[in-house]
Amino acid sequence: MMLMHRCRCSISVLTFGLLLTGTCLLDAAEEPKTELLWPDGAPGAKGDQPQDKPMLIIHLPPADKANGVAVVVCPGGGYGHLAMDHEGQQIADWFNSFGVAAFICDYRHRGKGYGHPAPLMDAQQAIRTARARAKEFRLDPKHIGIMGFSAGGHLASTAGTHFDAGDAESADPIARVSSRPDFMILCYPVIAFDEPFSHRGSQRNLLGENPEAALVRSLSNEKQITPETPPTFLFHTDEDKGVPAENSVMFYLALRRAGVPAEMHIYRVGRHGLGLAGETPGARHWPKQCEDWMRSLLKF
C-alpha cells in the first residue's frame, strides 16, 4: 500500500488542538482506504445507488506507531447529513497522530432516505468489521471503541447500549463477532428523546413524525444503561444551544448509577459542533484529555 508522508509543524498542529513545539513531525501513515461496509449489499437497502451503499473509510497509523487501539468514528449532522471533515477526516488524523486507527463510518441517514434501524446497523457492522479483521489491521480486538459527535454521538451511544455477542453459527466471520464497543467517546452528543432538552430534529430524522412511545424510550439512551455499558468519555460546552449539555449530564449520571467508569468535561465556552475545538478557550483541551483517558483505560 502506498505511504503518505505528512509533515506537521507546530502551527498546523495547533489547528488540531495539540500543544506541540519544536520541529516538524514526520509521520508515515497509510493512505486511507474506502470500502463498502456491506460488500454483499446493506440490509434494508432501498436501491443500488451510492446513497444505498454505506462506506467505511479506514485510516491506519504508521506501523511503528500503531498501538492496537481502534475507534469507529460517527460524524454528526442531525441524522440528515454527515460532517465528514471536522468530525471525520480531522478526527482520524488526530487519532493516527498517537497510534490509534480510525474507521470513519459513512452511515445511512434521512438525507439518504433512511431512518432507524439503518444507522445502528451500519455502526454495528463497522465495529464488527474492525474486530473481525483485527489481525489484518494490527489491532487488539478487545480495544475497539466508538466515537460520535452530536447525532453521531447518539448513534455511538446507541451502539454502546444496544449490542449483541454476534451469531456464532453464521458463515460470515464478521457476523460472528460482538458488536459491543470496548469504550465510547461522546462529543456534544444527542442522547435523550422526548425531553425539554432533546434535539428534535435528530429525533424526527431518525424516528419519523409520530414514533411509538416504546421505540422513543428504547432509543433515549440514558434510560438504557446497564453495568455492561462500556466505559465512556464525554465532552460538552455550557454555551451549546443546539444540543444542550443536559444530554451529556443525564448520560453521565446514569453511568454512575450503573457503576460504569466515566469521565465528563463540560467547558463554559463554545458553540455546538466544535470538532477538535482548536481555538476555543477551555474546550481546546478536550483532545489531550481524551487521549490521556484512553491511555489510562487501555494501558497503551
C-alpha atoms as a PDB file:
ATOM      1  CA  MET A   1       0.000   0.000   0.000  1.00  0.00           C
ATOM      2  CA  MET A   2       1.245   3.449  -0.833  1.00  0.00           C
ATOM      3  CA  LEU A   3       2.598   5.545   2.000  1.00  0.00           C
ATOM      4  CA  MET A   4       1.655   9.155   2.501  1.00  0.00           C
ATOM      5  CA  HIS A   5       4.128  11.449   4.291  1.00  0.00           C
ATOM      6  CA  ARG A   6       2.703  14.178   6.455  1.00  0.00           C
ATOM      7  CA  CYS A   7       4.743  16.997   7.921  1.00  0.00           C
ATOM      8  CA  ARG A   8       3.038  18.820  10.739  1.00  0.00           C
ATOM      9  CA  CYS A   9       4.638  21.991  12.077  1.00  0.00           C
ATOM     10  CA  SER A  10       3.649  23.453  15.409  1.00  0.00           C
ATOM     11  CA  ILE A  11       1.315  25.982  13.731  1.00  0.00           C
ATOM     12  CA  SER A  12      -0.669  23.330  11.841  1.00  0.00           C
ATOM     13  CA  VAL A  13      -0.794  21.025  14.839  1.00  0.00           C
ATOM     14  CA  LEU A  14      -2.363  23.774  16.935  1.00  0.00           C
ATOM     15  CA  THR A  15      -5.244  23.669  14.477  1.00  0.00           C
ATOM     16  CA  PHE A  16      -5.956  20.225  15.884  1.00  0.00           C
ATOM     17  CA  GLY A  17      -5.741  21.425  19.474  1.00  0.00           C
ATOM     18  CA  LEU A  18      -2.376  19.803  20.192  1.00  0.00           C
ATOM     19  CA  LEU A  19       0.196  21.757  22.157  1.00  0.00           C
ATOM     20  CA  LEU A  20       3.395  20.789  20.388  1.00  0.00           C
ATOM     21  CA  THR A  21       6.562  22.810  19.934  1.00  0.00           C
ATOM     22  CA  GLY A  22       9.831  22.450  18.071  1.00  0.00           C
ATOM     23  CA  THR A  23      10.491  20.956  14.683  1.00  0.00           C
ATOM     24  CA  CYS A  24       8.051  19.303  12.295  1.00  0.00           C
ATOM     25  CA  LEU A  25       6.942  15.748  12.958  1.00  0.00           C
ATOM     26  CA  LEU A  26       7.299  13.373  10.033  1.00  0.00           C
ATOM     27  CA  ASP A  27       4.682  10.615  10.015  1.00  0.00           C
ATOM     28  CA  ALA A  28       4.369   7.825   7.503  1.00  0.00           C
ATOM     29  CA  ALA A  29       0.674   6.903   7.625  1.00  0.00           C
ATOM     30  CA  GLU A  30      -1.037   4.528   5.252  1.00  0.00           C
ATOM     31  CA  GLU A  31      -3.171   6.078   2.560  1.00  0.00           C
ATOM     32  CA  PRO A  32      -6.810   5.981   3.720  1.00  0.00           C
ATOM     33  CA  LYS A  33      -8.800   3.183   2.148  1.00  0.00           C
ATOM     34  CA  THR A  34     -12.528   3.300   1.454  1.00  0.00           C
ATOM     35  CA  GLU A  35     -14.529   0.073   1.411  1.00  0.00           C
ATOM     36  CA  LEU A  36     -18.150  -0.933   1.152  1.00  0.00           C
ATOM     37  CA  LEU A  37     -19.400  -1.507   4.677  1.00  0.00           C
ATOM     38  CA  TRP A  38     -21.675  -4.272   3.375  1.00  0.00           C
ATOM     39  CA  PRO A  39     -19.911  -5.853   0.349  1.00  0.00           C
ATOM     40  CA  ASP A  40     -22.932  -8.021  -0.448  1.00  0.00           C
ATOM     41  CA  GLY A  41     -25.424  -5.175  -0.066  1.00  0.00           C
ATOM     42  CA  ALA A  42     -26.695  -3.381   3.019  1.00  0.00           C
ATOM     43  CA  PRO A  43     -29.677  -4.935   4.794  1.00  0.00           C
ATOM     44  CA  GLY A  44     -32.810  -2.955   4.058  1.00  0.00           C
ATOM     45  CA  ALA A  45     -31.228  -1.170   1.088  1.00  0.00           C
ATOM     46  CA  LYS A  46     -33.832   0.671  -0.996  1.00  0.00           C
ATOM     47  CA  GLY A  47     -31.835   0.585  -4.201  1.00  0.00           C
ATOM     48  CA  ASP A  48     -28.399   0.251  -5.728  1.00  0.00           C
ATOM     49  CA  GLN A  49     -27.370   3.906  -5.778  1.00  0.00           C
ATOM     50  CA  PRO A  50     -24.452   5.473  -3.821  1.00  0.00           C
ATOM     51  CA  GLN A  51     -26.813   6.546  -1.019  1.00  0.00           C
ATOM     52  CA  ASP A  52     -27.777   2.903  -0.536  1.00  0.00           C
ATOM     53  CA  LYS A  53     -24.169   1.814  -0.009  1.00  0.00           C
ATOM     54  CA  PRO A  54     -22.707   2.880   3.334  1.00  0.00           C
ATOM     55  CA  MET A  55     -18.925   3.074   3.349  1.00  0.00           C
ATOM     56  CA  LEU A  56     -16.081   2.567   5.807  1.00  0.00           C
ATOM     57  CA  ILE A  57     -13.086   4.905   5.456  1.00  0.00           C
ATOM     58  CA  ILE A  58     -10.063   3.272   7.072  1.00  0.00           C
ATOM     59  CA  HIS A  59      -7.208   5.393   8.436  1.00  0.00           C
ATOM     60  CA  LEU A  60      -4.344   3.315   9.832  1.00  0.00           C
ATOM     61  CA  PRO A  61      -1.452   4.909  11.746  1.00  0.00           C
ATOM     62  CA  PRO A  62       2.199   4.312  10.840  1.00  0.00           C
ATOM     63  CA  ALA A  63       3.183   0.728  11.629  1.00  0.00           C
ATOM     64  CA  ASP A  64       5.910   1.816  14.048  1.00  0.00           C
ATOM     65  CA  LYS A  65       3.430   3.997  15.979  1.00  0.00           C
ATOM     66  CA  ALA A  66       0.372   1.716  15.989  1.00  0.00           C
ATOM     67  CA  ASN A  67      -0.713   0.653  19.486  1.00  0.00           C
ATOM     68  CA  GLY A  68      -3.536  -1.729  18.555  1.00  0.00           C
ATOM     69  CA  VAL A  69      -6.379   0.624  19.510  1.00  0.00           C
ATOM     70  CA  ALA A  70      -9.129   1.476  17.012  1.00  0.00           C
ATOM     71  CA  VAL A  71     -12.103   3.835  17.060  1.00  0.00           C
ATOM     72  CA  VAL A  72     -15.140   3.782  14.796  1.00  0.00           C
ATOM     73  CA  VAL A  73     -15.918   7.469  14.152  1.00  0.00           C
ATOM     74  CA  CYS A  74     -19.529   8.579  13.596  1.00  0.00           C
ATOM     75  CA  PRO A  75     -19.742  12.175  12.298  1.00  0.00           C
ATOM     76  CA  GLY A  76     -22.742  14.262  13.266  1.00  0.00           C
ATOM     77  CA  GLY A  77     -25.327  16.004  11.122  1.00  0.00           C
ATOM     78  CA  GLY A  78     -28.697  15.583  12.790  1.00  0.00           C
ATOM     79  CA  TYR A  79     -29.278  12.216  11.074  1.00  0.00           C
ATOM     80  CA  GLY A  80     -29.798  14.287   7.918  1.00  0.00           C
ATOM     81  CA  HIS A  81     -26.235  14.698   6.610  1.00  0.00           C
ATOM     82  CA  LEU A  82     -22.675  13.960   7.790  1.00  0.00           C
ATOM     83  CA  ALA A  83     -19.965  16.455   8.832  1.00  0.00           C
ATOM     84  CA  MET A  84     -17.234  14.348   7.245  1.00  0.00           C
ATOM     85  CA  ASP A  85     -14.392  16.880   7.579  1.00  0.00           C
ATOM     86  CA  HIS A  86     -14.181  18.339  11.100  1.00  0.00           C
ATOM     87  CA  GLU A  87     -15.981  15.361  12.669  1.00  0.00           C
ATOM     88  CA  GLY A  88     -14.437  12.741  10.409  1.00  0.00           C
ATOM     89  CA  GLN A  89     -11.220  13.323   8.471  1.00  0.00           C
ATOM     90  CA  GLN A  90      -9.671  15.682  11.043  1.00  0.00           C
ATOM     91  CA  ILE A  91     -10.548  13.279  13.842  1.00  0.00           C
ATOM     92  CA  ALA A  92      -8.948  10.350  12.003  1.00  0.00           C
ATOM     93  CA  ASP A  93      -5.732  12.347  11.510  1.00  0.00           C
ATOM     94  CA  TRP A  94      -5.706  13.222  15.209  1.00  0.00           C
ATOM     95  CA  PHE A  95      -6.136   9.579  16.253  1.00  0.00           C
ATOM     96  CA  ASN A  96      -3.397   8.459  13.852  1.00  0.00           C
ATOM     97  CA  SER A  97      -1.030  11.036  15.405  1.00  0.00           C
ATOM     98  CA  PHE A  98      -0.857   8.953  18.601  1.00  0.00           C
ATOM     99  CA  GLY A  99      -1.069   5.489  17.069  1.00  0.00           C
ATOM    100  CA  VAL A 100      -4.827   4.853  17.053  1.00  0.00           C
ATOM    101  CA  ALA A 101      -6.577   3.504  13.955  1.00  0.00           C
ATOM    102  CA  ALA A 102      -9.745   5.316  12.864  1.00  0.00           C
ATOM    103  CA  PHE A 103     -12.653   3.860  10.909  1.00  0.00           C
ATOM    104  CA  ILE A 104     -14.970   6.636   9.699  1.00  0.00           C
ATOM    105  CA  CYS A 105     -18.475   5.258   9.288  1.00  0.00           C
ATOM    106  CA  ASP A 106     -20.327   6.864   6.368  1.00  0.00           C
ATOM    107  CA  TYR A 107     -23.652   5.596   7.665  1.00  0.00           C
ATOM    108  CA  ARG A 108     -27.143   5.837   6.221  1.00  0.00           C
ATOM    109  CA  HIS A 109     -29.436   8.659   7.428  1.00  0.00           C
ATOM    110  CA  ARG A 110     -32.578  10.569   6.489  1.00  0.00           C
ATOM    111  CA  GLY A 111     -30.744  12.637   3.885  1.00  0.00           C
ATOM    112  CA  LYS A 112     -30.077   9.363   2.077  1.00  0.00           C
ATOM    113  CA  GLY A 113     -33.637   8.167   2.634  1.00  0.00           C
ATOM    114  CA  TYR A 114     -33.079   6.098   5.785  1.00  0.00           C
ATOM    115  CA  GLY A 115     -34.212   6.167   9.383  1.00  0.00           C
ATOM    116  CA  HIS A 116     -33.930   3.674  12.238  1.00  0.00           C
ATOM    117  CA  PRO A 117     -32.592   0.963  12.285  1.00  0.00           C
ATOM    118  CA  ALA A 118     -30.260   1.550   9.306  1.00  0.00           C
ATOM    119  CA  PRO A 119     -27.765   3.896  11.078  1.00  0.00           C
ATOM    120  CA  LEU A 120     -27.401   1.498  14.018  1.00  0.00           C
ATOM    121  CA  MET A 121     -26.945  -1.497  11.734  1.00  0.00           C
ATOM    122  CA  ASP A 122     -24.168   0.371   9.916  1.00  0.00           C
ATOM    123  CA  ALA A 123     -22.389   1.389  13.136  1.00  0.00           C
ATOM    124  CA  GLN A 124     -22.584  -2.164  14.472  1.00  0.00           C
ATOM    125  CA  GLN A 125     -21.220  -3.513  11.204  1.00  0.00           C
ATOM    126  CA  ALA A 126     -18.295  -1.074  11.402  1.00  0.00           C
ATOM    127  CA  ILE A 127     -17.416  -2.316  14.902  1.00  0.00           C
ATOM    128  CA  ARG A 128     -17.690  -5.944  13.832  1.00  0.00           C
ATOM    129  CA  THR A 129     -15.554  -5.304  10.742  1.00  0.00           C
ATOM    130  CA  ALA A 130     -12.712  -3.758  12.742  1.00  0.00           C
ATOM    131  CA  ARG A 131     -12.878  -6.578  15.310  1.00  0.00           C
ATOM    132  CA  ALA A 132     -13.158  -9.462  12.837  1.00  0.00           C
ATOM    133  CA  ARG A 133     -10.241  -8.141  10.761  1.00  0.00           C
ATOM    134  CA  ALA A 134      -8.125  -7.101  13.738  1.00  0.00           C
ATOM    135  CA  LYS A 135      -5.074  -9.089  12.645  1.00  0.00           C
ATOM    136  CA  GLU A 136      -5.146  -7.516   9.182  1.00  0.00           C
ATOM    137  CA  PHE A 137      -5.373  -4.018  10.687  1.00  0.00           C
ATOM    138  CA  ARG A 138      -2.827  -4.648  13.501  1.00  0.00           C
ATOM    139  CA  LEU A 139      -5.482  -4.206  16.196  1.00  0.00           C
ATOM    140  CA  ASP A 140      -6.283  -5.659  19.585  1.00  0.00           C
ATOM    141  CA  PRO A 141      -9.842  -6.997  19.148  1.00  0.00           C
ATOM    142  CA  LYS A 142     -10.538  -6.034  22.779  1.00  0.00           C
ATOM    143  CA  HIS A 143      -9.592  -2.395  22.149  1.00  0.00           C
ATOM    144  CA  ILE A 144     -12.246  -1.416  19.580  1.00  0.00           C
ATOM    145  CA  GLY A 145     -14.162   1.721  20.594  1.00  0.00           C
ATOM    146  CA  ILE A 146     -16.720   4.036  19.063  1.00  0.00           C
ATOM    147  CA  MET A 147     -16.899   7.826  18.938  1.00  0.00           C
ATOM    148  CA  GLY A 148     -19.671  10.153  17.868  1.00  0.00           C
ATOM    149  CA  PHE A 149     -20.390  13.853  17.518  1.00  0.00           C
ATOM    150  CA  SER A 150     -23.850  15.378  18.032  1.00  0.00           C
ATOM    151  CA  ALA A 151     -26.328  12.988  16.326  1.00  0.00           C
ATOM    152  CA  GLY A 152     -23.317  10.750  15.686  1.00  0.00           C
ATOM    153  CA  GLY A 153     -22.962  10.759  19.465  1.00  0.00           C
ATOM    154  CA  HIS A 154     -26.496   9.447  19.705  1.00  0.00           C
ATOM    155  CA  LEU A 155     -25.586   6.727  17.222  1.00  0.00           C
ATOM    156  CA  ALA A 156     -22.431   5.858  19.166  1.00  0.00           C
ATOM    157  CA  SER A 157     -24.324   5.759  22.464  1.00  0.00           C
ATOM    158  CA  THR A 158     -26.947   3.544  20.822  1.00  0.00           C
ATOM    159  CA  ALA A 159     -24.230   1.130  19.726  1.00  0.00           C
ATOM    160  CA  GLY A 160     -22.926   1.171  23.307  1.00  0.00           C
ATOM    161  CA  THR A 161     -26.321   0.363  24.821  1.00  0.00           C
ATOM    162  CA  HIS A 162     -27.791  -1.919  22.111  1.00  0.00           C
ATOM    163  CA  PHE A 163     -25.289  -4.633  21.219  1.00  0.00           C
ATOM    164  CA  ASP A 164     -25.047  -8.386  20.852  1.00  0.00           C
ATOM    165  CA  ALA A 165     -22.398 -11.080  21.067  1.00  0.00           C
ATOM    166  CA  GLY A 166     -22.608 -11.995  17.394  1.00  0.00           C
ATOM    167  CA  ASP A 167     -24.001 -15.073  15.668  1.00  0.00           C
ATOM    168  CA  ALA A 168     -21.644 -17.964  16.326  1.00  0.00           C
ATOM    169  CA  GLU A 169     -23.382 -20.060  13.659  1.00  0.00           C
ATOM    170  CA  SER A 170     -23.026 -17.517  10.859  1.00  0.00           C
ATOM    171  CA  ALA A 171     -20.971 -18.346   7.787  1.00  0.00           C
ATOM    172  CA  ASP A 172     -19.849 -14.707   7.737  1.00  0.00           C
ATOM    173  CA  PRO A 173     -16.810 -14.185  10.014  1.00  0.00           C
ATOM    174  CA  ILE A 174     -17.821 -10.546  10.560  1.00  0.00           C
ATOM    175  CA  ALA A 175     -21.297 -11.526  11.775  1.00  0.00           C
ATOM    176  CA  ARG A 176     -19.781 -13.979  14.252  1.00  0.00           C
ATOM    177  CA  VAL A 177     -18.094 -11.322  16.413  1.00  0.00           C
ATOM    178  CA  SER A 178     -19.584  -8.993  19.025  1.00  0.00           C
ATOM    179  CA  SER A 179     -20.881  -5.531  18.163  1.00  0.00           C
ATOM    180  CA  ARG A 180     -20.174  -4.209  21.674  1.00  0.00           C
ATOM    181  CA  PRO A 181     -17.673  -1.340  21.645  1.00  0.00           C
ATOM    182  CA  ASP A 182     -14.978  -1.610  24.306  1.00  0.00           C
ATOM    183  CA  PHE A 183     -15.263   2.116  25.091  1.00  0.00           C
ATOM    184  CA  MET A 184     -17.200   5.178  23.957  1.00  0.00           C
ATOM    185  CA  ILE A 185     -16.217   8.789  23.281  1.00  0.00           C
ATOM    186  CA  LEU A 186     -19.257  11.071  23.060  1.00  0.00           C
ATOM    187  CA  CYS A 187     -18.742  14.647  21.895  1.00  0.00           C
ATOM    188  CA  TYR A 188     -21.611  17.099  22.484  1.00  0.00           C
ATOM    189  CA  PRO A 189     -23.914  14.109  21.912  1.00  0.00           C
ATOM    190  CA  VAL A 190     -27.616  13.917  21.316  1.00  0.00           C
ATOM    191  CA  ILE A 191     -28.768  11.437  23.977  1.00  0.00           C
ATOM    192  CA  ALA A 192     -32.313  11.875  25.293  1.00  0.00           C
ATOM    193  CA  PHE A 193     -35.508  11.840  23.274  1.00  0.00           C
ATOM    194  CA  ASP A 194     -38.826  13.453  24.225  1.00  0.00           C
ATOM    195  CA  GLU A 195     -37.241  15.719  26.829  1.00  0.00           C
ATOM    196  CA  PRO A 196     -37.245  19.536  27.002  1.00  0.00           C
ATOM    197  CA  PHE A 197     -33.542  19.471  26.090  1.00  0.00           C
ATOM    198  CA  SER A 198     -33.872  16.921  23.263  1.00  0.00           C
ATOM    199  CA  HIS A 199     -32.678  17.737  19.766  1.00  0.00           C
ATOM    200  CA  ARG A 200     -35.994  17.370  17.999  1.00  0.00           C
ATOM    201  CA  GLY A 201     -34.520  17.407  14.509  1.00  0.00           C
ATOM    202  CA  SER A 202     -32.359  14.361  15.179  1.00  0.00           C
ATOM    203  CA  GLN A 203     -35.272  12.525  16.779  1.00  0.00           C
ATOM    204  CA  ARG A 204     -37.551  13.317  13.861  1.00  0.00           C
ATOM    205  CA  ASN A 205     -34.997  12.336  11.221  1.00  0.00           C
ATOM    206  CA  LEU A 206     -34.252   9.054  12.952  1.00  0.00           C
ATOM    207  CA  LEU A 207     -37.746   8.002  14.022  1.00  0.00           C
ATOM    208  CA  GLY A 208     -40.186   9.978  11.885  1.00  0.00           C
ATOM    209  CA  GLU A 209     -43.014  12.279  12.935  1.00  0.00           C
ATOM    210  CA  ASN A 210     -45.075  10.020  15.212  1.00  0.00           C
ATOM    211  CA  PRO A 211     -42.969   7.155  16.542  1.00  0.00           C
ATOM    212  CA  GLU A 212     -44.295   4.699  19.089  1.00  0.00           C
ATOM    213  CA  ALA A 213     -43.541   5.618  22.691  1.00  0.00           C
ATOM    214  CA  ALA A 214     -41.743   2.323  23.316  1.00  0.00           C
ATOM    215  CA  LEU A 215     -39.354   2.972  20.420  1.00  0.00           C
ATOM    216  CA  VAL A 216     -38.646   6.518  21.611  1.00  0.00           C
ATOM    217  CA  ARG A 217     -37.844   5.239  25.086  1.00  0.00           C
ATOM    218  CA  SER A 218     -35.643   2.425  23.798  1.00  0.00           C
ATOM    219  CA  LEU A 219     -33.527   4.965  21.881  1.00  0.00           C
ATOM    220  CA  SER A 220     -33.386   7.515  24.696  1.00  0.00           C
ATOM    221  CA  ASN A 221     -30.071   6.035  25.657  1.00  0.00           C
ATOM    222  CA  GLU A 222     -29.651   7.405  29.177  1.00  0.00           C
ATOM    223  CA  LYS A 223     -32.512   5.020  30.031  1.00  0.00           C
ATOM    224  CA  GLN A 224     -30.731   2.001  28.532  1.00  0.00           C
ATOM    225  CA  ILE A 225     -27.501   1.948  30.545  1.00  0.00           C
ATOM    226  CA  THR A 226     -26.556  -1.226  32.434  1.00  0.00           C
ATOM    227  CA  PRO A 227     -23.353  -2.380  34.159  1.00  0.00           C
ATOM    228  CA  GLU A 228     -22.375  -3.839  30.763  1.00  0.00           C
ATOM    229  CA  THR A 229     -22.321  -0.417  29.084  1.00  0.00           C
ATOM    230  CA  PRO A 230     -18.732   0.409  28.012  1.00  0.00           C
ATOM    231  CA  PRO A 231     -16.563   2.982  29.842  1.00  0.00           C
ATOM    232  CA  THR A 232     -17.298   6.432  28.458  1.00  0.00           C
ATOM    233  CA  PHE A 233     -15.629   9.819  27.921  1.00  0.00           C
ATOM    234  CA  LEU A 234     -17.963  12.786  27.354  1.00  0.00           C
ATOM    235  CA  PHE A 235     -17.393  16.412  26.482  1.00  0.00           C
ATOM    236  CA  HIS A 236     -19.850  19.259  26.027  1.00  0.00           C
ATOM    237  CA  THR A 237     -19.997  23.040  26.403  1.00  0.00           C
ATOM    238  CA  ASP A 238     -22.254  25.136  28.593  1.00  0.00           C
ATOM    239  CA  GLU A 239     -22.934  27.514  25.692  1.00  0.00           C
ATOM    240  CA  ASP A 240     -24.168  24.773  23.367  1.00  0.00           C
ATOM    241  CA  LYS A 241     -27.657  25.856  22.281  1.00  0.00           C
ATOM    242  CA  GLY A 242     -28.113  23.244  19.574  1.00  0.00           C
ATOM    243  CA  VAL A 243     -27.754  20.202  21.832  1.00  0.00           C
ATOM    244  CA  PRO A 244     -27.844  21.322  25.486  1.00  0.00           C
ATOM    245  CA  ALA A 245     -25.326  19.878  27.925  1.00  0.00           C
ATOM    246  CA  GLU A 246     -28.121  18.128  29.853  1.00  0.00           C
ATOM    247  CA  ASN A 247     -27.766  15.341  27.288  1.00  0.00           C
ATOM    248  CA  SER A 248     -24.239  14.530  28.463  1.00  0.00           C
ATOM    249  CA  VAL A 249     -25.073  15.155  32.122  1.00  0.00           C
ATOM    250  CA  MET A 250     -28.006  12.735  32.130  1.00  0.00           C
ATOM    251  CA  PHE A 251     -25.923  10.058  30.411  1.00  0.00           C
ATOM    252  CA  TYR A 252     -23.039  10.547  32.843  1.00  0.00           C
ATOM    253  CA  LEU A 253     -25.303  10.306  35.893  1.00  0.00           C
ATOM    254  CA  ALA A 254     -26.853   7.107  34.543  1.00  0.00           C
ATOM    255  CA  LEU A 255     -23.376   5.653  34.011  1.00  0.00           C
ATOM    256  CA  ARG A 256     -22.504   6.476  37.633  1.00  0.00           C
ATOM    257  CA  ARG A 257     -25.650   4.797  38.920  1.00  0.00           C
ATOM    258  CA  ALA A 258     -24.757   1.665  36.945  1.00  0.00           C
ATOM    259  CA  GLY A 259     -21.157   1.666  38.176  1.00  0.00           C
ATOM    260  CA  VAL A 260     -19.696   2.211  34.705  1.00  0.00           C
ATOM    261  CA  PRO A 261     -16.354   4.097  34.636  1.00  0.00           C
ATOM    262  CA  ALA A 262     -16.891   7.519  33.074  1.00  0.00           C
ATOM    263  CA  GLU A 263     -15.267  10.917  32.679  1.00  0.00           C
ATOM    264  CA  MET A 264     -17.084  14.090  31.654  1.00  0.00           C
ATOM    265  CA  HIS A 265     -15.827  17.581  30.772  1.00  0.00           C
ATOM    266  CA  ILE A 266     -18.223  20.500  30.368  1.00  0.00           C
ATOM    267  CA  TYR A 267     -16.475  23.669  29.256  1.00  0.00           C
ATOM    268  CA  ARG A 268     -18.067  27.072  29.671  1.00  0.00           C
ATOM    269  CA  VAL A 269     -17.279  28.490  26.211  1.00  0.00           C
ATOM    270  CA  GLY A 270     -18.105  27.000  22.842  1.00  0.00           C
ATOM    271  CA  ARG A 271     -20.845  26.689  20.249  1.00  0.00           C
ATOM    272  CA  HIS A 272     -22.270  23.399  19.057  1.00  0.00           C
ATOM    273  CA  GLY A 273     -20.213  21.452  16.512  1.00  0.00           C
ATOM    274  CA  LEU A 274     -16.690  22.366  17.652  1.00  0.00           C
ATOM    275  CA  GLY A 275     -14.875  19.297  16.375  1.00  0.00           C
ATOM    276  CA  LEU A 276     -11.322  19.424  17.742  1.00  0.00           C
ATOM    277  CA  ALA A 277     -12.035  22.937  19.089  1.00  0.00           C
ATOM    278  CA  GLY A 278      -8.508  24.151  18.319  1.00  0.00           C
ATOM    279  CA  GLU A 279      -9.147  27.846  19.033  1.00  0.00           C
ATOM    280  CA  THR A 280     -11.867  27.630  21.701  1.00  0.00           C
ATOM    281  CA  PRO A 281     -10.760  28.506  25.247  1.00  0.00           C
ATOM    282  CA  GLY A 282     -11.113  25.571  27.592  1.00  0.00           C
ATOM    283  CA  ALA A 283     -12.669  23.184  25.097  1.00  0.00           C
ATOM    284  CA  ARG A 284      -9.475  23.096  23.023  1.00  0.00           C
ATOM    285  CA  HIS A 285      -8.009  20.867  25.733  1.00  0.00           C
ATOM    286  CA  TRP A 286     -10.501  18.059  25.253  1.00  0.00           C
ATOM    287  CA  PRO A 287      -8.419  16.096  22.693  1.00  0.00           C
ATOM    288  CA  LYS A 288      -5.445  15.801  25.072  1.00  0.00           C
ATOM    289  CA  GLN A 289      -7.731  14.966  27.993  1.00  0.00           C
ATOM    290  CA  CYS A 290      -9.420  12.309  25.883  1.00  0.00           C
ATOM    291  CA  GLU A 291      -6.061  10.869  24.828  1.00  0.00           C
ATOM    292  CA  ASP A 292      -4.970  10.727  28.471  1.00  0.00           C
ATOM    293  CA  TRP A 293      -8.228   8.978  29.392  1.00  0.00           C
ATOM    294  CA  MET A 294      -7.721   6.407  26.617  1.00  0.00           C
ATOM    295  CA  ARG A 295      -4.133   5.743  27.680  1.00  0.00           C
ATOM    296  CA  SER A 296      -5.210   5.250  31.298  1.00  0.00           C
ATOM    297  CA  LEU A 297      -8.101   2.968  30.353  1.00  0.00           C
ATOM    298  CA  LEU A 298      -6.360   0.877  27.695  1.00  0.00           C
ATOM    299  CA  LYS A 299      -2.780   0.954  29.026  1.00  0.00           C
ATOM    300  CA  PHE A 300      -1.021   1.818  25.765  1.00  0.00           C
END
